[in-house]
Amino acid sequence: MRTARIALASLALALAARAEDPTSQAGHVYVNRELGVRFTGIFGWTYEMAAGGGTWNLLAKYEQEAYEASVLLLTRSNTHETFEAMRKALAAEFPVAADGKDPAAGASVYKEVAFRDVAMRGGVKLPGVEVEAVSLQVSAEGKKREHGVAVRTYYGRGRLYRVACSVQRARHAKVKDLFERALDSLEVQAVEEAATAGTPFLSWRGNYSCLVPEGFTVNMPGDRASSDVWFEDKRSGIVASVVTYAFRGDSREHVDSLVAYYKESLVIESEEAQVLGSKGFLGTVSKGDKKTRIAGVVAKGRVYRVHVEYPAAREAEGLRVMDGLLKSMKLG
């Protein structure tokens, strides 16, 4: 592996001081035109560019030795044949510690592991997942070390992109904002744009997967919103969303609640439709010059609904989007 080191820190200021006083100055910008990747590191941290093998290909590393802190930019081919295989592979990278047990000497496990869905902020807005955790490592001499970890993995059709941040757990608060800016800075440009069709979206919160409709961007509304995700095509004015939440009733009770909510604007066309492999319903809401096609089902104690809103003049396109989402959507 060929490695080039570039010291970006001024010798006049200690790296630790920089971490305690976060600066708005931009850090080193890594650009890989072949992959269409742009990433902004942390100002004042040591930058290392690398190219080599391994499961994940390390593109760039930023380090701050005083806090044992690092930010890594990595990528690898997405060779998984199914959504479930990719999901299991990502989860397996963060083995959870057994209650009250430390890992064996030389090994590491994770505590307080939390997954949440994210979408890339810039460039092609790829979907992804963020993992926040505490890593527990035991050296060969038996010494324990804990680090706060934040890892975002974005999935394109043929490639995965990752930003991985780590710092001594006791120092996490001092670099939290710097990590957040670094995590948000990753952009994947036009190289991935042509591959948007067929991009998988995996929902860790809703426990389902689907394919992003061709030409649509991915938007994450936040943990408190009823929509799990929405896909938007500004050219056509079509917006598709997935709504999911825990529900104790059956499909009949769910349909009744929707009819009560939408009143006469909702027309239920079928309660025998196949949605996610179970008996669900299809309906349409008409409002002005727009229509919303809704398909829903109650499965595994949750409501799953797909809404596709479209201009009435683009009904054929809207129905194709709905059909594609329903065919690609899978639980688990």
C-alpha atoms as a PDB file:
ATOM      1  CA  MET A   1       0.000   0.000   0.000  1.00  0.00           C
ATOM      2  CA  ARG A   2       1.361   3.393  -0.924  1.00  0.00           C
ATOM      3  CA  THR A   3       0.726   5.988   1.771  1.00  0.00           C
ATOM      4  CA  ALA A   4       1.265   9.733   1.627  1.00  0.00           C
ATOM      5  CA  ARG A   5       1.121  11.799   4.805  1.00  0.00           C
ATOM      6  CA  ILE A   6       0.304  15.469   4.781  1.00  0.00           C
ATOM      7  CA  ALA A   7       0.553  17.377   8.076  1.00  0.00           C
ATOM      8  CA  LEU A   8      -2.123  20.053   7.979  1.00  0.00           C
ATOM      9  CA  ALA A   9      -1.859  21.142  11.601  1.00  0.00           C
ATOM     10  CA  SER A  10       0.029  24.275  12.551  1.00  0.00           C
ATOM     11  CA  LEU A  11       2.836  23.514  14.993  1.00  0.00           C
ATOM     12  CA  ALA A  12       1.905  26.635  16.895  1.00  0.00           C
ATOM     13  CA  LEU A  13      -1.384  25.141  18.138  1.00  0.00           C
ATOM     14  CA  ALA A  14      -1.885  21.820  19.860  1.00  0.00           C
ATOM     15  CA  LEU A  15      -4.311  19.427  18.250  1.00  0.00           C
ATOM     16  CA  ALA A  16      -6.044  18.938  21.554  1.00  0.00           C
ATOM     17  CA  ALA A  17      -6.747  22.628  21.823  1.00  0.00           C
ATOM     18  CA  ARG A  18      -8.342  22.590  18.401  1.00  0.00           C
ATOM     19  CA  ALA A  19     -10.690  19.806  19.440  1.00  0.00           C
ATOM     20  CA  GLU A  20     -11.771  21.788  22.520  1.00  0.00           C
ATOM     21  CA  ASP A  21     -12.402  24.877  20.398  1.00  0.00           C
ATOM     22  CA  PRO A  22     -14.187  23.681  17.237  1.00  0.00           C
ATOM     23  CA  THR A  23     -13.463  25.947  14.301  1.00  0.00           C
ATOM     24  CA  SER A  24     -15.608  26.852  11.342  1.00  0.00           C
ATOM     25  CA  GLN A  25     -12.576  26.687   9.045  1.00  0.00           C
ATOM     26  CA  ALA A  26     -12.875  24.033   6.375  1.00  0.00           C
ATOM     27  CA  GLY A  27     -10.607  21.034   6.634  1.00  0.00           C
ATOM     28  CA  HIS A  28      -8.750  19.261   3.866  1.00  0.00           C
ATOM     29  CA  VAL A  29     -11.044  18.324   0.958  1.00  0.00           C
ATOM     30  CA  TYR A  30     -10.614  14.832  -0.481  1.00  0.00           C
ATOM     31  CA  VAL A  31     -11.758  14.426  -4.097  1.00  0.00           C
ATOM     32  CA  ASN A  32     -11.856  11.186  -6.075  1.00  0.00           C
ATOM     33  CA  ARG A  33     -13.085  11.935  -9.590  1.00  0.00           C
ATOM     34  CA  GLU A  34     -13.113   8.303 -10.644  1.00  0.00           C
ATOM     35  CA  LEU A  35     -15.654   7.447  -7.927  1.00  0.00           C
ATOM     36  CA  GLY A  36     -17.327  10.856  -7.982  1.00  0.00           C
ATOM     37  CA  VAL A  37     -16.600  11.282  -4.250  1.00  0.00           C
ATOM     38  CA  ARG A  38     -16.023  14.556  -2.403  1.00  0.00           C
ATOM     39  CA  PHE A  39     -15.408  14.693   1.360  1.00  0.00           C
ATOM     40  CA  THR A  40     -14.337  17.442   3.766  1.00  0.00           C
ATOM     41  CA  GLY A  41     -12.116  16.400   6.666  1.00  0.00           C
ATOM     42  CA  ILE A  42     -11.508  18.162   9.974  1.00  0.00           C
ATOM     43  CA  PHE A  43      -9.315  21.276  10.074  1.00  0.00           C
ATOM     44  CA  GLY A  44      -6.066  20.768  11.939  1.00  0.00           C
ATOM     45  CA  TRP A  45      -6.135  16.972  11.928  1.00  0.00           C
ATOM     46  CA  THR A  46      -3.473  14.873  10.228  1.00  0.00           C
ATOM     47  CA  TYR A  47      -4.559  13.671   6.783  1.00  0.00           C
ATOM     48  CA  GLU A  48      -3.532  10.368   5.239  1.00  0.00           C
ATOM     49  CA  MET A  49      -4.479   9.230   1.754  1.00  0.00           C
ATOM     50  CA  ALA A  50      -4.322   5.519   1.078  1.00  0.00           C
ATOM     51  CA  ALA A  51      -5.271   3.010  -1.556  1.00  0.00           C
ATOM     52  CA  GLY A  52      -5.224  -0.660  -0.869  1.00  0.00           C
ATOM     53  CA  GLY A  53      -7.048  -3.901  -0.262  1.00  0.00           C
ATOM     54  CA  GLY A  54      -9.105  -5.260   2.565  1.00  0.00           C
ATOM     55  CA  THR A  55     -12.854  -5.726   2.799  1.00  0.00           C
ATOM     56  CA  TRP A  56     -13.243  -1.961   2.845  1.00  0.00           C
ATOM     57  CA  ASN A  57     -10.986   0.160   0.653  1.00  0.00           C
ATOM     58  CA  LEU A  58      -9.606   3.060   2.706  1.00  0.00           C
ATOM     59  CA  LEU A  59      -9.685   6.278   0.688  1.00  0.00           C
ATOM     60  CA  ALA A  60      -8.691   8.837   3.327  1.00  0.00           C
ATOM     61  CA  LYS A  61      -7.961   9.063   7.057  1.00  0.00           C
ATOM     62  CA  TYR A  62      -7.971  12.060   9.421  1.00  0.00           C
ATOM     63  CA  GLU A  63      -6.473  11.645  12.894  1.00  0.00           C
ATOM     64  CA  GLN A  64      -6.095  13.512  16.185  1.00  0.00           C
ATOM     65  CA  GLU A  65      -3.693  11.545  18.357  1.00  0.00           C
ATOM     66  CA  ALA A  66      -4.351  13.241  21.709  1.00  0.00           C
ATOM     67  CA  TYR A  67      -7.907  11.903  21.815  1.00  0.00           C
ATOM     68  CA  GLU A  68      -7.228   8.702  19.838  1.00  0.00           C
ATOM     69  CA  ALA A  69      -9.710  10.178  17.368  1.00  0.00           C
ATOM     70  CA  SER A  70     -10.066   9.312  13.706  1.00  0.00           C
ATOM     71  CA  VAL A  71     -12.370   9.873  10.741  1.00  0.00           C
ATOM     72  CA  LEU A  72     -12.142   7.304   7.943  1.00  0.00           C
ATOM     73  CA  LEU A  73     -13.555   7.469   4.433  1.00  0.00           C
ATOM     74  CA  LEU A  74     -14.053   4.013   2.921  1.00  0.00           C
ATOM     75  CA  THR A  75     -15.778   2.265   0.054  1.00  0.00           C
ATOM     76  CA  ARG A  76     -16.319  -1.243  -1.270  1.00  0.00           C
ATOM     77  CA  SER A  77     -18.313  -3.043  -3.921  1.00  0.00           C
ATOM     78  CA  ASN A  78     -21.860  -3.970  -2.989  1.00  0.00           C
ATOM     79  CA  THR A  79     -21.844  -7.628  -3.963  1.00  0.00           C
ATOM     80  CA  HIS A  80     -24.838  -8.769  -1.905  1.00  0.00           C
ATOM     81  CA  GLU A  81     -27.511 -10.437  -4.002  1.00  0.00           C
ATOM     82  CA  THR A  82     -30.412  -9.534  -1.703  1.00  0.00           C
ATOM     83  CA  PHE A  83     -31.362  -6.667   0.593  1.00  0.00           C
ATOM     84  CA  GLU A  84     -31.490  -9.034   3.557  1.00  0.00           C
ATOM     85  CA  ALA A  85     -27.938 -10.250   2.877  1.00  0.00           C
ATOM     86  CA  MET A  86     -26.646  -6.682   2.785  1.00  0.00           C
ATOM     87  CA  ARG A  87     -28.536  -5.770   5.925  1.00  0.00           C
ATOM     88  CA  LYS A  88     -27.194  -8.781   7.841  1.00  0.00           C
ATOM     89  CA  ALA A  89     -23.652  -8.099   6.652  1.00  0.00           C
ATOM     90  CA  LEU A  90     -23.779  -4.499   7.887  1.00  0.00           C
ATOM     91  CA  ALA A  91     -25.254  -5.502  11.249  1.00  0.00           C
ATOM     92  CA  ALA A  92     -22.646  -8.249  11.681  1.00  0.00           C
ATOM     93  CA  GLU A  93     -19.898  -5.623  11.646  1.00  0.00           C
ATOM     94  CA  PHE A  94     -21.121  -4.431  15.044  1.00  0.00           C
ATOM     95  CA  PRO A  95     -21.262  -7.538  17.292  1.00  0.00           C
ATOM     96  CA  VAL A  96     -23.035  -6.690  20.546  1.00  0.00           C
ATOM     97  CA  ALA A  97     -21.360  -7.452  23.874  1.00  0.00           C
ATOM     98  CA  ALA A  98     -22.956 -10.170  25.978  1.00  0.00           C
ATOM     99  CA  ASP A  99     -24.452  -8.768  29.187  1.00  0.00           C
ATOM    100  CA  GLY A 100     -21.762  -8.320  31.811  1.00  0.00           C
ATOM    101  CA  LYS A 101     -19.086  -9.995  29.721  1.00  0.00           C
ATOM    102  CA  ASP A 102     -15.938  -8.451  28.301  1.00  0.00           C
ATOM    103  CA  PRO A 103     -14.528  -9.577  24.952  1.00  0.00           C
ATOM    104  CA  ALA A 104     -11.565 -11.906  24.833  1.00  0.00           C
ATOM    105  CA  ALA A 105      -8.104 -10.378  24.880  1.00  0.00           C
ATOM    106  CA  GLY A 106      -7.321  -8.770  21.537  1.00  0.00           C
ATOM    107  CA  ALA A 107     -10.990  -8.645  20.500  1.00  0.00           C
ATOM    108  CA  SER A 108     -13.617  -5.909  20.497  1.00  0.00           C
ATOM    109  CA  VAL A 109     -17.397  -5.748  20.832  1.00  0.00           C
ATOM    110  CA  TYR A 110     -19.984  -2.974  20.851  1.00  0.00           C
ATOM    111  CA  LYS A 111     -22.362  -1.621  23.496  1.00  0.00           C
ATOM    112  CA  GLU A 112     -25.310   0.769  23.261  1.00  0.00           C
ATOM    113  CA  VAL A 113     -25.683   0.042  19.532  1.00  0.00           C
ATOM    114  CA  ALA A 114     -28.374   2.131  17.792  1.00  0.00           C
ATOM    115  CA  PHE A 115     -29.281   2.166  14.081  1.00  0.00           C
ATOM    116  CA  ARG A 116     -31.126   4.954  12.270  1.00  0.00           C
ATOM    117  CA  ASP A 117     -31.952   5.637   8.647  1.00  0.00           C
ATOM    118  CA  VAL A 118     -30.211   8.548   6.918  1.00  0.00           C
ATOM    119  CA  ALA A 119     -29.914  10.057   3.453  1.00  0.00           C
ATOM    120  CA  MET A 120     -26.882  11.761   1.923  1.00  0.00           C
ATOM    121  CA  ARG A 121     -27.269  15.548   2.123  1.00  0.00           C
ATOM    122  CA  GLY A 122     -25.323  16.537  -0.983  1.00  0.00           C
ATOM    123  CA  GLY A 123     -24.754  15.191  -4.469  1.00  0.00           C
ATOM    124  CA  VAL A 124     -26.866  12.150  -5.291  1.00  0.00           C
ATOM    125  CA  LYS A 125     -28.957  11.709  -2.132  1.00  0.00           C
ATOM    126  CA  LEU A 126     -28.215   8.052  -1.509  1.00  0.00           C
ATOM    127  CA  PRO A 127     -30.035   6.261   1.313  1.00  0.00           C
ATOM    128  CA  GLY A 128     -28.059   4.774   4.139  1.00  0.00           C
ATOM    129  CA  VAL A 129     -27.878   3.838   7.802  1.00  0.00           C
ATOM    130  CA  GLU A 130     -26.008   5.394  10.721  1.00  0.00           C
ATOM    131  CA  VAL A 131     -24.738   3.332  13.621  1.00  0.00           C
ATOM    132  CA  GLU A 132     -23.913   4.943  16.949  1.00  0.00           C
ATOM    133  CA  ALA A 133     -22.233   2.747  19.526  1.00  0.00           C
ATOM    134  CA  VAL A 134     -19.533   2.367  22.135  1.00  0.00           C
ATOM    135  CA  SER A 135     -16.739   0.008  21.177  1.00  0.00           C
ATOM    136  CA  LEU A 136     -15.111  -1.992  23.970  1.00  0.00           C
ATOM    137  CA  GLN A 137     -11.653  -3.334  23.267  1.00  0.00           C
ATOM    138  CA  VAL A 138      -9.428  -5.510  25.461  1.00  0.00           C
ATOM    139  CA  SER A 139      -5.736  -5.542  24.659  1.00  0.00           C
ATOM    140  CA  ALA A 140      -3.566  -8.645  24.806  1.00  0.00           C
ATOM    141  CA  GLU A 141      -2.427  -7.402  28.238  1.00  0.00           C
ATOM    142  CA  GLY A 142      -6.054  -7.207  29.413  1.00  0.00           C
ATOM    143  CA  LYS A 143      -6.363  -3.402  29.353  1.00  0.00           C
ATOM    144  CA  LYS A 144      -9.863  -2.101  28.491  1.00  0.00           C
ATOM    145  CA  ARG A 145     -10.475   0.820  26.142  1.00  0.00           C
ATOM    146  CA  GLU A 146     -13.794   2.398  25.200  1.00  0.00           C
ATOM    147  CA  HIS A 147     -14.423   4.602  22.159  1.00  0.00           C
ATOM    148  CA  GLY A 148     -17.495   6.429  20.972  1.00  0.00           C
ATOM    149  CA  VAL A 149     -18.263   5.373  17.403  1.00  0.00           C
ATOM    150  CA  ALA A 150     -20.441   6.901  14.686  1.00  0.00           C
ATOM    151  CA  VAL A 151     -20.523   5.156  11.293  1.00  0.00           C
ATOM    152  CA  ARG A 152     -22.621   6.102   8.265  1.00  0.00           C
ATOM    153  CA  THR A 153     -22.902   3.667   5.374  1.00  0.00           C
ATOM    154  CA  TYR A 154     -24.633   4.756   2.151  1.00  0.00           C
ATOM    155  CA  TYR A 155     -25.691   2.208  -0.435  1.00  0.00           C
ATOM    156  CA  GLY A 156     -25.597   2.761  -4.156  1.00  0.00           C
ATOM    157  CA  ARG A 157     -26.601   0.066  -6.616  1.00  0.00           C
ATOM    158  CA  GLY A 158     -23.107  -1.335  -7.038  1.00  0.00           C
ATOM    159  CA  ARG A 159     -21.041   0.330  -4.301  1.00  0.00           C
ATOM    160  CA  LEU A 160     -21.146   1.158  -0.593  1.00  0.00           C
ATOM    161  CA  TYR A 161     -19.716   4.399   0.823  1.00  0.00           C
ATOM    162  CA  ARG A 162     -18.786   4.829   4.482  1.00  0.00           C
ATOM    163  CA  VAL A 163     -17.648   7.526   6.918  1.00  0.00           C
ATOM    164  CA  ALA A 164     -16.463   6.063  10.243  1.00  0.00           C
ATOM    165  CA  CYS A 165     -15.694   8.265  13.275  1.00  0.00           C
ATOM    166  CA  SER A 166     -14.112   7.092  16.527  1.00  0.00           C
ATOM    167  CA  VAL A 167     -12.802   8.851  19.666  1.00  0.00           C
ATOM    168  CA  GLN A 168     -12.015   8.054  23.303  1.00  0.00           C
ATOM    169  CA  ARG A 169     -15.402   7.826  24.996  1.00  0.00           C
ATOM    170  CA  ALA A 170     -14.462  10.422  27.620  1.00  0.00           C
ATOM    171  CA  ARG A 171     -13.590  12.915  24.854  1.00  0.00           C
ATOM    172  CA  HIS A 172     -16.645  12.366  22.661  1.00  0.00           C
ATOM    173  CA  ALA A 173     -18.430  15.570  23.685  1.00  0.00           C
ATOM    174  CA  LYS A 174     -15.424  17.660  22.601  1.00  0.00           C
ATOM    175  CA  VAL A 175     -15.493  16.408  19.001  1.00  0.00           C
ATOM    176  CA  LYS A 176     -19.186  15.601  18.540  1.00  0.00           C
ATOM    177  CA  ASP A 177     -19.890  18.687  16.385  1.00  0.00           C
ATOM    178  CA  LEU A 178     -16.758  18.088  14.298  1.00  0.00           C
ATOM    179  CA  PHE A 179     -17.841  14.502  13.670  1.00  0.00           C
ATOM    180  CA  GLU A 180     -21.335  15.627  12.667  1.00  0.00           C
ATOM    181  CA  ARG A 181     -19.942  18.055  10.072  1.00  0.00           C
ATOM    182  CA  ALA A 182     -17.634  15.374   8.694  1.00  0.00           C
ATOM    183  CA  LEU A 183     -20.478  12.843   8.465  1.00  0.00           C
ATOM    184  CA  ASP A 184     -22.656  15.361   6.627  1.00  0.00           C
ATOM    185  CA  SER A 185     -19.917  16.425   4.202  1.00  0.00           C
ATOM    186  CA  LEU A 186     -19.732  13.279   2.044  1.00  0.00           C
ATOM    187  CA  GLU A 187     -21.038  13.760  -1.494  1.00  0.00           C
ATOM    188  CA  VAL A 188     -21.273  11.283  -4.349  1.00  0.00           C
ATOM    189  CA  GLN A 189     -21.651  13.028  -7.678  1.00  0.00           C
ATOM    190  CA  ALA A 190     -22.652  12.129 -11.221  1.00  0.00           C
ATOM    191  CA  VAL A 191     -20.794   8.800 -11.306  1.00  0.00           C
ATOM    192  CA  GLU A 192     -23.552   7.325  -9.123  1.00  0.00           C
ATOM    193  CA  GLU A 193     -26.365   9.349 -10.685  1.00  0.00           C
ATOM    194  CA  ALA A 194     -26.815   6.990 -13.628  1.00  0.00           C
ATOM    195  CA  ALA A 195     -27.147   4.117 -11.172  1.00  0.00           C
ATOM    196  CA  THR A 196     -29.948   5.702  -9.152  1.00  0.00           C
ATOM    197  CA  ALA A 197     -32.443   3.311 -10.757  1.00  0.00           C
ATOM    198  CA  GLY A 198     -32.280   0.118  -8.735  1.00  0.00           C
ATOM    199  CA  THR A 199     -30.736   1.728  -5.650  1.00  0.00           C
ATOM    200  CA  PRO A 200     -31.918  -0.186  -2.567  1.00  0.00           C
ATOM    201  CA  PHE A 201     -33.500   1.610   0.361  1.00  0.00           C
ATOM    202  CA  LEU A 202     -33.346  -0.267   3.670  1.00  0.00           C
ATOM    203  CA  SER A 203     -35.407   0.934   6.618  1.00  0.00           C
ATOM    204  CA  TRP A 204     -33.999  -0.139   9.954  1.00  0.00           C
ATOM    205  CA  ARG A 205     -36.879   1.546  11.769  1.00  0.00           C
ATOM    206  CA  GLY A 206     -39.617  -0.014   9.635  1.00  0.00           C
ATOM    207  CA  ASN A 207     -37.869  -3.350   8.995  1.00  0.00           C
ATOM    208  CA  TYR A 208     -38.471  -3.339   5.223  1.00  0.00           C
ATOM    209  CA  SER A 209     -36.634  -2.726   1.956  1.00  0.00           C
ATOM    210  CA  CYS A 210     -37.586  -1.413  -1.481  1.00  0.00           C
ATOM    211  CA  LEU A 211     -36.031   0.026  -4.631  1.00  0.00           C
ATOM    212  CA  VAL A 212     -35.780   3.777  -5.137  1.00  0.00           C
ATOM    213  CA  PRO A 213     -37.865   4.704  -8.221  1.00  0.00           C
ATOM    214  CA  GLU A 214     -35.754   5.755 -11.201  1.00  0.00           C
ATOM    215  CA  GLY A 215     -34.889   9.457 -11.206  1.00  0.00           C
ATOM    216  CA  PHE A 216     -36.234  10.040  -7.669  1.00  0.00           C
ATOM    217  CA  THR A 217     -34.336  11.541  -4.731  1.00  0.00           C
ATOM    218  CA  VAL A 218     -34.475  10.122  -1.196  1.00  0.00           C
ATOM    219  CA  ASN A 219     -35.699  12.269   1.698  1.00  0.00           C
ATOM    220  CA  MET A 220     -35.714  11.317   5.369  1.00  0.00           C
ATOM    221  CA  PRO A 221     -38.351  13.216   7.363  1.00  0.00           C
ATOM    222  CA  GLY A 222     -36.965  12.497  10.832  1.00  0.00           C
ATOM    223  CA  ASP A 223     -37.735  10.134  13.692  1.00  0.00           C
ATOM    224  CA  ARG A 224     -41.008  11.806  14.746  1.00  0.00           C
ATOM    225  CA  ALA A 225     -42.641  12.004  11.331  1.00  0.00           C
ATOM    226  CA  SER A 226     -45.311   9.512  10.252  1.00  0.00           C
ATOM    227  CA  SER A 227     -43.647   8.982   6.875  1.00  0.00           C
ATOM    228  CA  ASP A 228     -40.642   6.696   7.084  1.00  0.00           C
ATOM    229  CA  VAL A 229     -39.220   8.043   3.815  1.00  0.00           C
ATOM    230  CA  TRP A 230     -40.374   9.850   0.722  1.00  0.00           C
ATOM    231  CA  PHE A 231     -39.070   9.710  -2.835  1.00  0.00           C
ATOM    232  CA  GLU A 232     -39.503  12.766  -5.045  1.00  0.00           C
ATOM    233  CA  ASP A 233     -39.245  13.492  -8.768  1.00  0.00           C
ATOM    234  CA  LYS A 234     -39.467  17.264  -9.202  1.00  0.00           C
ATOM    235  CA  ARG A 235     -39.667  16.925 -12.989  1.00  0.00           C
ATOM    236  CA  SER A 236     -42.949  15.044 -12.940  1.00  0.00           C
ATOM    237  CA  GLY A 237     -44.285  16.311  -9.626  1.00  0.00           C
ATOM    238  CA  ILE A 238     -44.693  12.751  -8.330  1.00  0.00           C
ATOM    239  CA  VAL A 239     -43.988  12.077  -4.658  1.00  0.00           C
ATOM    240  CA  ALA A 240     -44.017   8.583  -3.169  1.00  0.00           C
ATOM    241  CA  SER A 241     -43.874   7.917   0.568  1.00  0.00           C
ATOM    242  CA  VAL A 242     -43.859   4.931   2.888  1.00  0.00           C
ATOM    243  CA  VAL A 243     -45.771   5.173   6.169  1.00  0.00           C
ATOM    244  CA  THR A 244     -45.236   2.600   8.896  1.00  0.00           C
ATOM    245  CA  TYR A 245     -46.106   2.422  12.585  1.00  0.00           C
ATOM    246  CA  ALA A 246     -47.067  -0.101  15.262  1.00  0.00           C
ATOM    247  CA  PHE A 247     -50.734  -1.111  15.133  1.00  0.00           C
ATOM    248  CA  ARG A 248     -52.677  -3.560  17.303  1.00  0.00           C
ATOM    249  CA  GLY A 249     -55.762  -3.913  15.124  1.00  0.00           C
ATOM    250  CA  ASP A 250     -56.377  -5.769  11.865  1.00  0.00           C
ATOM    251  CA  SER A 251     -56.611  -4.525   8.274  1.00  0.00           C
ATOM    252  CA  ARG A 252     -60.363  -3.865   8.569  1.00  0.00           C
ATOM    253  CA  GLU A 253     -59.820  -1.544  11.539  1.00  0.00           C
ATOM    254  CA  HIS A 254     -57.001   0.170   9.686  1.00  0.00           C
ATOM    255  CA  VAL A 255     -59.185   0.821   6.624  1.00  0.00           C
ATOM    256  CA  ASP A 256     -61.998   2.156   8.832  1.00  0.00           C
ATOM    257  CA  SER A 257     -59.600   4.605  10.479  1.00  0.00           C
ATOM    258  CA  LEU A 258     -58.410   5.871   7.088  1.00  0.00           C
ATOM    259  CA  VAL A 259     -61.952   6.313   5.778  1.00  0.00           C
ATOM    260  CA  ALA A 260     -62.800   8.303   8.907  1.00  0.00           C
ATOM    261  CA  TYR A 261     -59.713  10.471   8.379  1.00  0.00           C
ATOM    262  CA  TYR A 262     -60.066  11.172   4.649  1.00  0.00           C
ATOM    263  CA  LYS A 263     -63.901  11.109   4.664  1.00  0.00           C
ATOM    264  CA  GLU A 264     -65.494  11.177   1.202  1.00  0.00           C
ATOM    265  CA  SER A 265     -62.211  12.019  -0.582  1.00  0.00           C
ATOM    266  CA  LEU A 266     -60.935   8.419  -0.145  1.00  0.00           C
ATOM    267  CA  VAL A 267     -62.389   5.747  -2.414  1.00  0.00           C
ATOM    268  CA  ILE A 268     -61.475   2.172  -1.393  1.00  0.00           C
ATOM    269  CA  GLU A 269     -61.223   0.124  -4.597  1.00  0.00           C
ATOM    270  CA  SER A 270     -60.168  -3.238  -3.200  1.00  0.00           C
ATOM    271  CA  GLU A 271     -59.649  -4.946   0.145  1.00  0.00           C
ATOM    272  CA  GLU A 272     -58.313  -8.117  -1.451  1.00  0.00           C
ATOM    273  CA  ALA A 273     -55.138  -6.665  -2.984  1.00  0.00           C
ATOM    274  CA  GLN A 274     -51.804  -8.374  -2.421  1.00  0.00           C
ATOM    275  CA  VAL A 275     -49.543  -5.984  -0.514  1.00  0.00           C
ATOM    276  CA  LEU A 276     -46.242  -7.297   0.886  1.00  0.00           C
ATOM    277  CA  GLY A 277     -47.482 -10.828   0.387  1.00  0.00           C
ATOM    278  CA  SER A 278     -50.613 -10.358   2.503  1.00  0.00           C
ATOM    279  CA  LYS A 279     -54.202  -9.293   1.891  1.00  0.00           C
ATOM    280  CA  GLY A 280     -54.329  -5.508   1.924  1.00  0.00           C
ATOM    281  CA  PHE A 281     -56.239  -2.658   0.330  1.00  0.00           C
ATOM    282  CA  LEU A 282     -55.961  -0.198  -2.561  1.00  0.00           C
ATOM    283  CA  GLY A 283     -57.590   3.223  -2.605  1.00  0.00           C
ATOM    284  CA  THR A 284     -57.383   6.673  -4.183  1.00  0.00           C
ATOM    285  CA  VAL A 285     -57.697  10.151  -2.708  1.00  0.00           C
ATOM    286  CA  SER A 286     -58.699  12.923  -5.133  1.00  0.00           C
ATOM    287  CA  LYS A 287     -58.071  16.541  -4.246  1.00  0.00           C
ATOM    288  CA  GLY A 288     -58.171  19.255  -6.891  1.00  0.00           C
ATOM    289  CA  ASP A 289     -55.865  18.441  -9.798  1.00  0.00           C
ATOM    290  CA  LYS A 290     -53.924  15.847  -7.787  1.00  0.00           C
ATOM    291  CA  LYS A 291     -54.532  12.253  -6.875  1.00  0.00           C
ATOM    292  CA  THR A 292     -52.926  10.021  -4.258  1.00  0.00           C
ATOM    293  CA  ARG A 293     -52.856   6.253  -4.740  1.00  0.00           C
ATOM    294  CA  ILE A 294     -52.663   4.390  -1.417  1.00  0.00           C
ATOM    295  CA  ALA A 295     -51.855   0.729  -0.841  1.00  0.00           C
ATOM    296  CA  GLY A 296     -51.692  -0.667   2.674  1.00  0.00           C
ATOM    297  CA  VAL A 297     -51.570  -3.732   4.856  1.00  0.00           C
ATOM    298  CA  VAL A 298     -51.235  -4.688   8.516  1.00  0.00           C
ATOM    299  CA  ALA A 299     -48.391  -7.178   8.931  1.00  0.00           C
ATOM    300  CA  LYS A 300     -46.307  -8.311  11.903  1.00  0.00           C
ATOM    301  CA  GLY A 301     -47.997  -5.820  14.210  1.00  0.00           C
ATOM    302  CA  ARG A 302     -47.331  -2.802  11.997  1.00  0.00           C
ATOM    303  CA  VAL A 303     -49.144  -0.755   9.390  1.00  0.00           C
ATOM    304  CA  TYR A 304     -47.315  -0.489   6.066  1.00  0.00           C
ATOM    305  CA  ARG A 305     -48.711   1.989   3.551  1.00  0.00           C
ATOM    306  CA  VAL A 306     -47.353   3.293   0.269  1.00  0.00           C
ATOM    307  CA  HIS A 307     -48.690   6.676  -0.892  1.00  0.00           C
ATOM    308  CA  VAL A 308     -47.997   7.966  -4.403  1.00  0.00           C
ATOM    309  CA  GLU A 309     -49.188  11.509  -5.095  1.00  0.00           C
ATOM    310  CA  TYR A 310     -49.257  12.648  -8.729  1.00  0.00           C
ATOM    311  CA  PRO A 311     -50.859  15.275 -10.975  1.00  0.00           C
ATOM    312  CA  ALA A 312     -54.072  13.867 -12.466  1.00  0.00           C
ATOM    313  CA  ALA A 313     -52.565  14.368 -15.938  1.00  0.00           C
ATOM    314  CA  ARG A 314     -49.682  11.998 -15.007  1.00  0.00           C
ATOM    315  CA  GLU A 315     -51.781   9.177 -13.597  1.00  0.00           C
ATOM    316  CA  ALA A 316     -50.161   6.491 -15.759  1.00  0.00           C
ATOM    317  CA  GLU A 317     -46.693   7.479 -14.468  1.00  0.00           C
ATOM    318  CA  GLY A 318     -47.915   7.598 -10.894  1.00  0.00           C
ATOM    319  CA  LEU A 319     -49.426   4.125 -11.119  1.00  0.00           C
ATOM    320  CA  ARG A 320     -46.175   2.746 -12.582  1.00  0.00           C
ATOM    321  CA  VAL A 321     -44.267   4.157  -9.615  1.00  0.00           C
ATOM    322  CA  MET A 322     -46.740   2.538  -7.213  1.00  0.00           C
ATOM    323  CA  ASP A 323     -46.507  -0.785  -9.039  1.00  0.00           C
ATOM    324  CA  GLY A 324     -42.699  -0.710  -8.943  1.00  0.00           C
ATOM    325  CA  LEU A 325     -42.594   0.061  -5.223  1.00  0.00           C
ATOM    326  CA  LEU A 326     -45.053  -2.686  -4.320  1.00  0.00           C
ATOM    327  CA  LYS A 327     -43.196  -5.269  -6.419  1.00  0.00           C
ATOM    328  CA  SER A 328     -39.806  -4.388  -4.887  1.00  0.00           C
ATOM    329  CA  MET A 329     -40.910  -3.930  -1.274  1.00  0.00           C
ATOM    330  CA  LYS A 330     -40.062  -6.728   1.163  1.00  0.00           C
ATOM    331  CA  LEU A 331     -40.307  -7.098   4.925  1.00  0.00           C
ATOM    332  CA  GLY A 332     -37.244  -8.032   6.951  1.00  0.00           C
END
